[in-house]
């Protein structure tokens, strides 16, 4: 049984491939390599984004503390408005 299978495999003919196929495969691989972003550039972009976020948090915390201090300076004065009783 195995000899029959091996005989069938020996009779398989090779497929003819165009000569330019190898160059097209290489050009596609090169094109894919060009689209990849280098790791150091991605690291620089990520550190800039994190730095901007931390700067924003720092300034917002300072701003909110100033707003809290300015809100404590004002006190509400209660005024009894009895105009409705005098009409």
N, C-alpha and C. Protein backbone atom coordinates (compact mmCIF):
# COMPACT_ATOMS: atom_id res chain seq x y z
N UNK A 1 0.83 -1.19 0.00
CA UNK A 1 0.00 0.00 0.00
C UNK A 1 0.87 1.26 0.00
N UNK A 2 1.96 1.23 0.80
CA UNK A 2 2.84 2.39 0.84
C UNK A 2 3.56 2.58 -0.48
N UNK A 3 3.89 1.53 -1.13
CA UNK A 3 4.58 1.64 -2.42
C UNK A 3 3.68 2.29 -3.46
N UNK A 4 2.37 2.05 -3.39
CA UNK A 4 1.44 2.68 -4.32
C UNK A 4 1.39 4.19 -4.09
N UNK A 5 1.38 4.60 -2.83
CA UNK A 5 1.35 6.03 -2.51
C UNK A 5 2.63 6.72 -2.94
N UNK A 6 3.76 6.05 -2.75
CA UNK A 6 5.02 6.64 -3.16
C UNK A 6 5.11 6.74 -4.68
N UNK A 7 4.55 5.77 -5.36
CA UNK A 7 4.53 5.81 -6.82
C UNK A 7 3.69 6.98 -7.32
N UNK A 8 2.59 7.27 -6.64
CA UNK A 8 1.76 8.41 -7.02
C UNK A 8 2.51 9.73 -6.80
N UNK A 9 3.28 9.80 -5.73
CA UNK A 9 4.01 11.02 -5.45
C UNK A 9 5.13 11.26 -6.46
N UNK A 10 5.72 10.18 -6.98
CA UNK A 10 6.78 10.33 -7.97
C UNK A 10 6.25 10.85 -9.31
N UNK A 11 4.99 10.64 -9.56
CA UNK A 11 4.40 11.05 -10.84
C UNK A 11 3.91 12.50 -10.83
N UNK A 12 4.01 13.19 -9.72
CA UNK A 12 3.53 14.58 -9.64
C UNK A 12 4.48 15.47 -10.43
N UNK A 13 3.90 16.33 -11.26
CA UNK A 13 4.70 17.24 -12.07
C UNK A 13 4.83 18.59 -11.34
N UNK A 14 5.95 19.25 -11.53
CA UNK A 14 6.19 20.57 -10.93
C UNK A 14 5.35 21.62 -11.64
N UNK A 15 4.93 22.59 -10.88
CA UNK A 15 4.17 23.70 -11.44
C UNK A 15 5.15 24.73 -11.96
N UNK A 16 4.89 25.26 -13.14
CA UNK A 16 5.77 26.27 -13.70
C UNK A 16 5.40 27.64 -13.11
N UNK A 17 6.42 28.32 -12.62
CA UNK A 17 6.23 29.61 -11.95
C UNK A 17 6.90 30.68 -12.80
N UNK A 18 6.25 31.84 -12.95
CA UNK A 18 6.90 32.92 -13.70
C UNK A 18 8.19 33.37 -13.01
N UNK A 19 9.13 33.84 -13.80
CA UNK A 19 10.43 34.26 -13.26
C UNK A 19 10.30 35.50 -12.38
N UNK A 20 9.34 36.34 -12.65
CA UNK A 20 9.20 37.60 -11.90
C UNK A 20 8.52 37.40 -10.55
N UNK A 21 8.07 36.21 -10.24
CA UNK A 21 7.36 35.98 -8.98
C UNK A 21 8.26 36.23 -7.77
N UNK A 22 9.50 35.82 -7.86
CA UNK A 22 10.43 36.02 -6.74
C UNK A 22 10.65 37.51 -6.47
N UNK A 23 10.79 38.30 -7.54
CA UNK A 23 10.99 39.73 -7.36
C UNK A 23 9.75 40.41 -6.79
N UNK A 24 8.56 39.98 -7.19
CA UNK A 24 7.35 40.58 -6.64
C UNK A 24 7.20 40.26 -5.16
N UNK A 25 7.56 39.05 -4.77
CA UNK A 25 7.51 38.69 -3.35
C UNK A 25 8.50 39.54 -2.56
N UNK A 26 9.71 39.71 -3.09
CA UNK A 26 10.71 40.54 -2.41
C UNK A 26 10.26 41.99 -2.30
N UNK A 27 9.65 42.53 -3.35
CA UNK A 27 9.20 43.92 -3.32
C UNK A 27 8.08 44.12 -2.30
N UNK A 28 7.20 43.15 -2.18
CA UNK A 28 6.13 43.24 -1.17
C UNK A 28 6.70 43.19 0.24
N UNK A 29 7.69 42.35 0.45
CA UNK A 29 8.33 42.29 1.77
C UNK A 29 9.03 43.60 2.10
N UNK A 30 9.69 44.20 1.13
CA UNK A 30 10.36 45.49 1.34
C UNK A 30 9.33 46.57 1.65
N UNK A 31 8.20 46.55 0.98
CA UNK A 31 7.15 47.54 1.21
C UNK A 31 6.61 47.41 2.64
N UNK A 32 6.46 46.17 3.12
CA UNK A 32 6.00 45.96 4.48
C UNK A 32 7.02 46.45 5.49
N UNK A 33 8.29 46.29 5.20
CA UNK A 33 9.34 46.76 6.11
C UNK A 33 9.37 48.28 6.19
N UNK A 34 9.03 48.95 5.10
CA UNK A 34 9.01 50.41 5.09
C UNK A 34 7.88 50.96 5.95
N UNK A 35 6.78 50.24 6.08
CA UNK A 35 5.63 50.73 6.82
C UNK A 35 5.78 50.54 8.33
N UNK A 36 6.76 49.80 8.78
CA UNK A 36 6.93 49.55 10.20
C UNK A 36 7.57 50.77 10.86
N UNK A 37 6.98 51.22 11.99
CA UNK A 37 7.52 52.37 12.74
C UNK A 37 8.61 51.84 13.66
N UNK A 38 9.79 52.48 13.66
CA UNK A 38 10.85 52.03 14.56
C UNK A 38 10.45 52.20 16.02
N UNK A 39 10.97 51.32 16.85
CA UNK A 39 10.59 51.29 18.26
C UNK A 39 11.01 52.55 18.99
N UNK A 40 12.16 53.12 18.65
CA UNK A 40 12.60 54.32 19.36
C UNK A 40 11.69 55.51 19.05
N UNK A 41 11.14 55.58 17.83
CA UNK A 41 10.22 56.67 17.50
C UNK A 41 8.90 56.50 18.26
N UNK A 42 8.43 55.28 18.39
CA UNK A 42 7.22 55.03 19.16
C UNK A 42 7.44 55.36 20.63
N UNK A 43 8.63 55.07 21.15
CA UNK A 43 8.96 55.41 22.54
C UNK A 43 9.01 56.90 22.75
N UNK A 44 9.56 57.64 21.80
CA UNK A 44 9.61 59.10 21.92
C UNK A 44 8.20 59.67 21.92
N UNK A 45 7.36 59.19 21.03
CA UNK A 45 5.98 59.68 20.96
C UNK A 45 5.22 59.36 22.25
N UNK A 46 5.41 58.17 22.78
CA UNK A 46 4.72 57.78 24.02
C UNK A 46 5.20 58.63 25.19
N UNK A 47 6.51 58.90 25.27
CA UNK A 47 7.01 59.72 26.38
C UNK A 47 6.51 61.15 26.27
N UNK A 48 6.38 61.67 25.06
CA UNK A 48 5.83 63.02 24.90
C UNK A 48 4.37 63.08 25.34
N UNK A 49 3.60 62.09 24.98
CA UNK A 49 2.19 62.06 25.38
C UNK A 49 2.06 61.97 26.89
N UNK A 50 2.85 61.10 27.51
CA UNK A 50 2.80 60.96 28.97
C UNK A 50 3.26 62.25 29.64
N UNK A 51 4.30 62.89 29.10
CA UNK A 51 4.77 64.15 29.66
C UNK A 51 3.72 65.24 29.57
N UNK A 52 3.02 65.32 28.44
CA UNK A 52 1.96 66.32 28.31
C UNK A 52 0.80 66.04 29.26
N UNK A 53 0.48 64.78 29.46
CA UNK A 53 -0.59 64.43 30.39
C UNK A 53 -0.21 64.80 31.82
N UNK A 54 1.02 64.52 32.21
CA UNK A 54 1.47 64.87 33.56
C UNK A 54 1.51 66.38 33.77
N UNK A 55 1.93 67.11 32.74
CA UNK A 55 1.94 68.57 32.82
C UNK A 55 0.52 69.10 32.97
N UNK A 56 -0.41 68.54 32.25
CA UNK A 56 -1.80 68.97 32.35
C UNK A 56 -2.35 68.70 33.75
N UNK A 57 -2.05 67.53 34.30
CA UNK A 57 -2.52 67.21 35.65
C UNK A 57 -1.91 68.17 36.67
N UNK A 58 -0.63 68.47 36.51
CA UNK A 58 0.05 69.38 37.44
C UNK A 58 -0.60 70.76 37.42
N UNK A 59 -0.84 71.30 36.23
CA UNK A 59 -1.43 72.63 36.15
C UNK A 59 -2.88 72.64 36.58
N UNK A 60 -3.62 71.58 36.30
CA UNK A 60 -5.02 71.52 36.74
C UNK A 60 -5.11 71.41 38.26
N UNK A 61 -4.20 70.68 38.89
CA UNK A 61 -4.20 70.60 40.35
C UNK A 61 -3.89 71.96 40.95
N UNK A 62 -2.93 72.68 40.41
CA UNK A 62 -2.60 74.02 40.90
C UNK A 62 -3.75 74.97 40.69
N UNK A 63 -4.43 74.86 39.57
CA UNK A 63 -5.56 75.73 39.28
C UNK A 63 -6.73 75.44 40.21
N UNK A 64 -6.98 74.16 40.47
CA UNK A 64 -8.11 73.82 41.35
C UNK A 64 -7.84 74.26 42.79
N UNK A 65 -6.60 74.20 43.24
CA UNK A 65 -6.30 74.67 44.60
C UNK A 65 -6.46 76.17 44.69
N UNK A 66 -6.10 76.91 43.63
CA UNK A 66 -6.30 78.37 43.63
C UNK A 66 -7.78 78.70 43.63
N UNK A 67 -8.57 77.94 42.90
CA UNK A 67 -10.02 78.17 42.87
C UNK A 67 -10.61 77.90 44.24
N UNK A 68 -10.16 76.83 44.91
CA UNK A 68 -10.66 76.52 46.25
C UNK A 68 -10.31 77.63 47.23
N UNK A 69 -9.11 78.19 47.13
CA UNK A 69 -8.71 79.27 48.03
C UNK A 69 -9.52 80.53 47.75
N UNK A 70 -9.80 80.82 46.49
CA UNK A 70 -10.56 82.03 46.18
C UNK A 70 -12.02 81.86 46.58
N UNK A 71 -12.54 80.65 46.56
CA UNK A 71 -13.92 80.43 46.98
C UNK A 71 -14.07 80.57 48.48
N UNK A 72 -13.03 80.32 49.24
CA UNK A 72 -13.10 80.45 50.68
C UNK A 72 -13.07 81.90 51.13
N UNK A 73 -12.65 82.82 50.29
CA UNK A 73 -12.58 84.23 50.65
C UNK A 73 -13.96 84.87 50.74
N UNK A 74 -14.91 84.34 50.01
CA UNK A 74 -16.24 84.92 49.99
C UNK A 74 -17.15 84.20 50.98
N UNK A 75 -17.93 84.99 51.69
CA UNK A 75 -18.93 84.40 52.59
C UNK A 75 -20.30 84.90 52.17
N UNK A 76 -21.27 84.05 52.28
CA UNK A 76 -22.62 84.44 51.93
C UNK A 76 -23.27 85.16 53.11
N UNK A 77 -23.93 86.23 52.79
CA UNK A 77 -24.62 87.01 53.81
C UNK A 77 -26.11 86.76 53.62
N UNK A 78 -26.74 86.33 54.66
CA UNK A 78 -28.18 86.06 54.57
C UNK A 78 -28.94 87.36 54.79
N UNK A 79 -29.83 87.63 53.87
CA UNK A 79 -30.65 88.82 53.96
C UNK A 79 -32.10 88.35 53.98
N UNK A 80 -32.81 88.79 55.00
CA UNK A 80 -34.23 88.46 55.06
C UNK A 80 -34.99 89.44 54.20
N UNK A 81 -35.65 88.93 53.23
CA UNK A 81 -36.43 89.77 52.33
C UNK A 81 -37.89 89.56 52.67
N UNK A 82 -38.43 90.53 53.37
CA UNK A 82 -39.82 90.43 53.82
C UNK A 82 -40.73 91.34 53.02
N UNK A 83 -40.40 91.66 51.81
CA UNK A 83 -41.21 92.54 51.00
C UNK A 83 -42.61 92.00 50.76
N UNK A 84 -42.72 90.70 50.68
CA UNK A 84 -44.02 90.10 50.39
C UNK A 84 -45.01 90.33 51.55
N UNK A 85 -44.49 90.48 52.77
CA UNK A 85 -45.38 90.65 53.92
C UNK A 85 -45.90 92.07 54.03
N UNK A 86 -45.25 93.05 53.44
CA UNK A 86 -45.65 94.43 53.54
C UNK A 86 -46.59 94.86 52.42
N UNK A 87 -46.89 94.01 51.52
CA UNK A 87 -47.75 94.42 50.43
C UNK A 87 -49.20 94.37 50.78
